[in-house]
């Protein structure tokens, strides 16, 4: 069950991502990787790189920068 200020999503490759907001800070979890930061876009990019080894870009037809921006826009608007 998700707590308030916690969102669940999936990377384009299907891996689960859990995003938590604590005040002005974000914690992003994916697999064994966890990133804490003030900027959700940066935290998402860092956790993707840490978990998948992918330098955030267009990989295998997936536009990771657009996916990150879409998720960050939605959550920062709702937060």
C-alpha atoms as a PDB file:
ATOM      1  CA  UNK A   1       0.000   0.000   0.000  1.00  0.00           C
ATOM      2  CA  UNK A   2       1.387   3.382  -0.966  1.00  0.00           C
ATOM      3  CA  UNK A   3       1.781   6.003   1.721  1.00  0.00           C
ATOM      4  CA  UNK A   4       0.927   9.648   1.209  1.00  0.00           C
ATOM      5  CA  UNK A   5       3.725  11.308  -0.771  1.00  0.00           C
ATOM      6  CA  UNK A   6       4.717   7.952  -2.310  1.00  0.00           C
ATOM      7  CA  UNK A   7       4.179   7.018  -5.952  1.00  0.00           C
ATOM      8  CA  UNK A   8       4.790   3.812  -7.873  1.00  0.00           C
ATOM      9  CA  UNK A   9       5.691   3.715 -11.527  1.00  0.00           C
ATOM     10  CA  UNK A  10       7.623   1.570 -13.980  1.00  0.00           C
ATOM     11  CA  UNK A  11      10.637   2.325 -16.092  1.00  0.00           C
ATOM     12  CA  UNK A  12      10.032   1.871 -19.803  1.00  0.00           C
ATOM     13  CA  UNK A  13      11.727  -1.548 -19.476  1.00  0.00           C
ATOM     14  CA  UNK A  14       9.194  -2.614 -16.802  1.00  0.00           C
ATOM     15  CA  UNK A  15      11.301  -2.226 -13.646  1.00  0.00           C
ATOM     16  CA  UNK A  16       9.398  -0.837 -10.678  1.00  0.00           C
ATOM     17  CA  UNK A  17      10.259   2.647  -9.442  1.00  0.00           C
ATOM     18  CA  UNK A  18       9.107   3.968  -6.059  1.00  0.00           C
ATOM     19  CA  UNK A  19       9.268   7.730  -5.571  1.00  0.00           C
ATOM     20  CA  UNK A  20       8.855   9.329  -2.152  1.00  0.00           C
ATOM     21  CA  UNK A  21       8.637  12.986  -1.219  1.00  0.00           C
ATOM     22  CA  UNK A  22       9.953  14.123   2.162  1.00  0.00           C
ATOM     23  CA  UNK A  23       9.542  17.876   2.487  1.00  0.00           C
ATOM     24  CA  UNK A  24      11.575  19.400  -0.332  1.00  0.00           C
ATOM     25  CA  UNK A  25      13.529  16.188  -0.964  1.00  0.00           C
ATOM     26  CA  UNK A  26      12.880  13.156  -3.163  1.00  0.00           C
ATOM     27  CA  UNK A  27      13.933   9.550  -2.632  1.00  0.00           C
ATOM     28  CA  UNK A  28      13.800   7.349  -5.709  1.00  0.00           C
ATOM     29  CA  UNK A  29      14.094   3.556  -5.376  1.00  0.00           C
ATOM     30  CA  UNK A  30      14.599   1.117  -8.233  1.00  0.00           C
ATOM     31  CA  UNK A  31      15.847  -2.415  -7.637  1.00  0.00           C
ATOM     32  CA  UNK A  32      18.823  -2.179  -5.295  1.00  0.00           C
ATOM     33  CA  UNK A  33      19.455   1.491  -6.085  1.00  0.00           C
ATOM     34  CA  UNK A  34      18.272   4.463  -4.041  1.00  0.00           C
ATOM     35  CA  UNK A  35      18.880   8.140  -4.769  1.00  0.00           C
ATOM     36  CA  UNK A  36      18.134  11.103  -2.489  1.00  0.00           C
ATOM     37  CA  UNK A  37      17.986  14.600  -3.906  1.00  0.00           C
ATOM     38  CA  UNK A  38      16.319  17.971  -4.209  1.00  0.00           C
ATOM     39  CA  UNK A  39      15.577  17.610  -7.935  1.00  0.00           C
ATOM     40  CA  UNK A  40      13.304  14.767  -9.054  1.00  0.00           C
ATOM     41  CA  UNK A  41      14.570  14.816 -12.658  1.00  0.00           C
ATOM     42  CA  UNK A  42      18.162  14.345 -11.491  1.00  0.00           C
ATOM     43  CA  UNK A  43      17.235  11.662  -8.948  1.00  0.00           C
ATOM     44  CA  UNK A  44      15.324   9.685 -11.598  1.00  0.00           C
ATOM     45  CA  UNK A  45      18.235   9.931 -14.048  1.00  0.00           C
ATOM     46  CA  UNK A  46      20.711   8.818 -11.377  1.00  0.00           C
ATOM     47  CA  UNK A  47      18.660   5.835 -10.245  1.00  0.00           C
ATOM     48  CA  UNK A  48      18.153   4.704 -13.850  1.00  0.00           C
ATOM     49  CA  UNK A  49      21.872   4.914 -14.498  1.00  0.00           C
ATOM     50  CA  UNK A  50      22.726   3.132 -11.233  1.00  0.00           C
ATOM     51  CA  UNK A  51      20.208   0.335 -11.721  1.00  0.00           C
ATOM     52  CA  UNK A  52      20.408  -0.288 -15.458  1.00  0.00           C
ATOM     53  CA  UNK A  53      23.864   0.952 -16.383  1.00  0.00           C
ATOM     54  CA  UNK A  54      22.182   3.042 -19.071  1.00  0.00           C
ATOM     55  CA  UNK A  55      23.486   6.540 -19.566  1.00  0.00           C
ATOM     56  CA  UNK A  56      20.165   8.319 -19.770  1.00  0.00           C
ATOM     57  CA  UNK A  57      19.431   8.880 -23.438  1.00  0.00           C
ATOM     58  CA  UNK A  58      17.531   7.186 -26.218  1.00  0.00           C
ATOM     59  CA  UNK A  59      18.178   3.451 -25.793  1.00  0.00           C
ATOM     60  CA  UNK A  60      16.490   0.670 -27.697  1.00  0.00           C
ATOM     61  CA  UNK A  61      13.812   3.017 -28.963  1.00  0.00           C
ATOM     62  CA  UNK A  62      13.097   4.352 -25.460  1.00  0.00           C
ATOM     63  CA  UNK A  63      13.371   8.090 -24.914  1.00  0.00           C
ATOM     64  CA  UNK A  64      14.442   8.129 -21.246  1.00  0.00           C
ATOM     65  CA  UNK A  65      14.752  11.936 -21.019  1.00  0.00           C
ATOM     66  CA  UNK A  66      11.126  12.376 -22.130  1.00  0.00           C
ATOM     67  CA  UNK A  67       9.968   9.653 -19.730  1.00  0.00           C
ATOM     68  CA  UNK A  68      11.836  11.303 -16.827  1.00  0.00           C
ATOM     69  CA  UNK A  69      10.421  14.745 -17.688  1.00  0.00           C
ATOM     70  CA  UNK A  70       6.883  13.352 -17.937  1.00  0.00           C
ATOM     71  CA  UNK A  71       7.050  11.616 -14.546  1.00  0.00           C
ATOM     72  CA  UNK A  72       8.715  14.598 -12.846  1.00  0.00           C
ATOM     73  CA  UNK A  73       6.207  17.054 -14.313  1.00  0.00           C
ATOM     74  CA  UNK A  74       3.252  14.950 -13.160  1.00  0.00           C
ATOM     75  CA  UNK A  75       4.559  14.366  -9.639  1.00  0.00           C
ATOM     76  CA  UNK A  76       5.833  17.875  -8.952  1.00  0.00           C
ATOM     77  CA  UNK A  77       2.495  19.258 -10.127  1.00  0.00           C
ATOM     78  CA  UNK A  78       0.602  16.847  -7.838  1.00  0.00           C
ATOM     79  CA  UNK A  79       2.965  17.220  -4.843  1.00  0.00           C
END
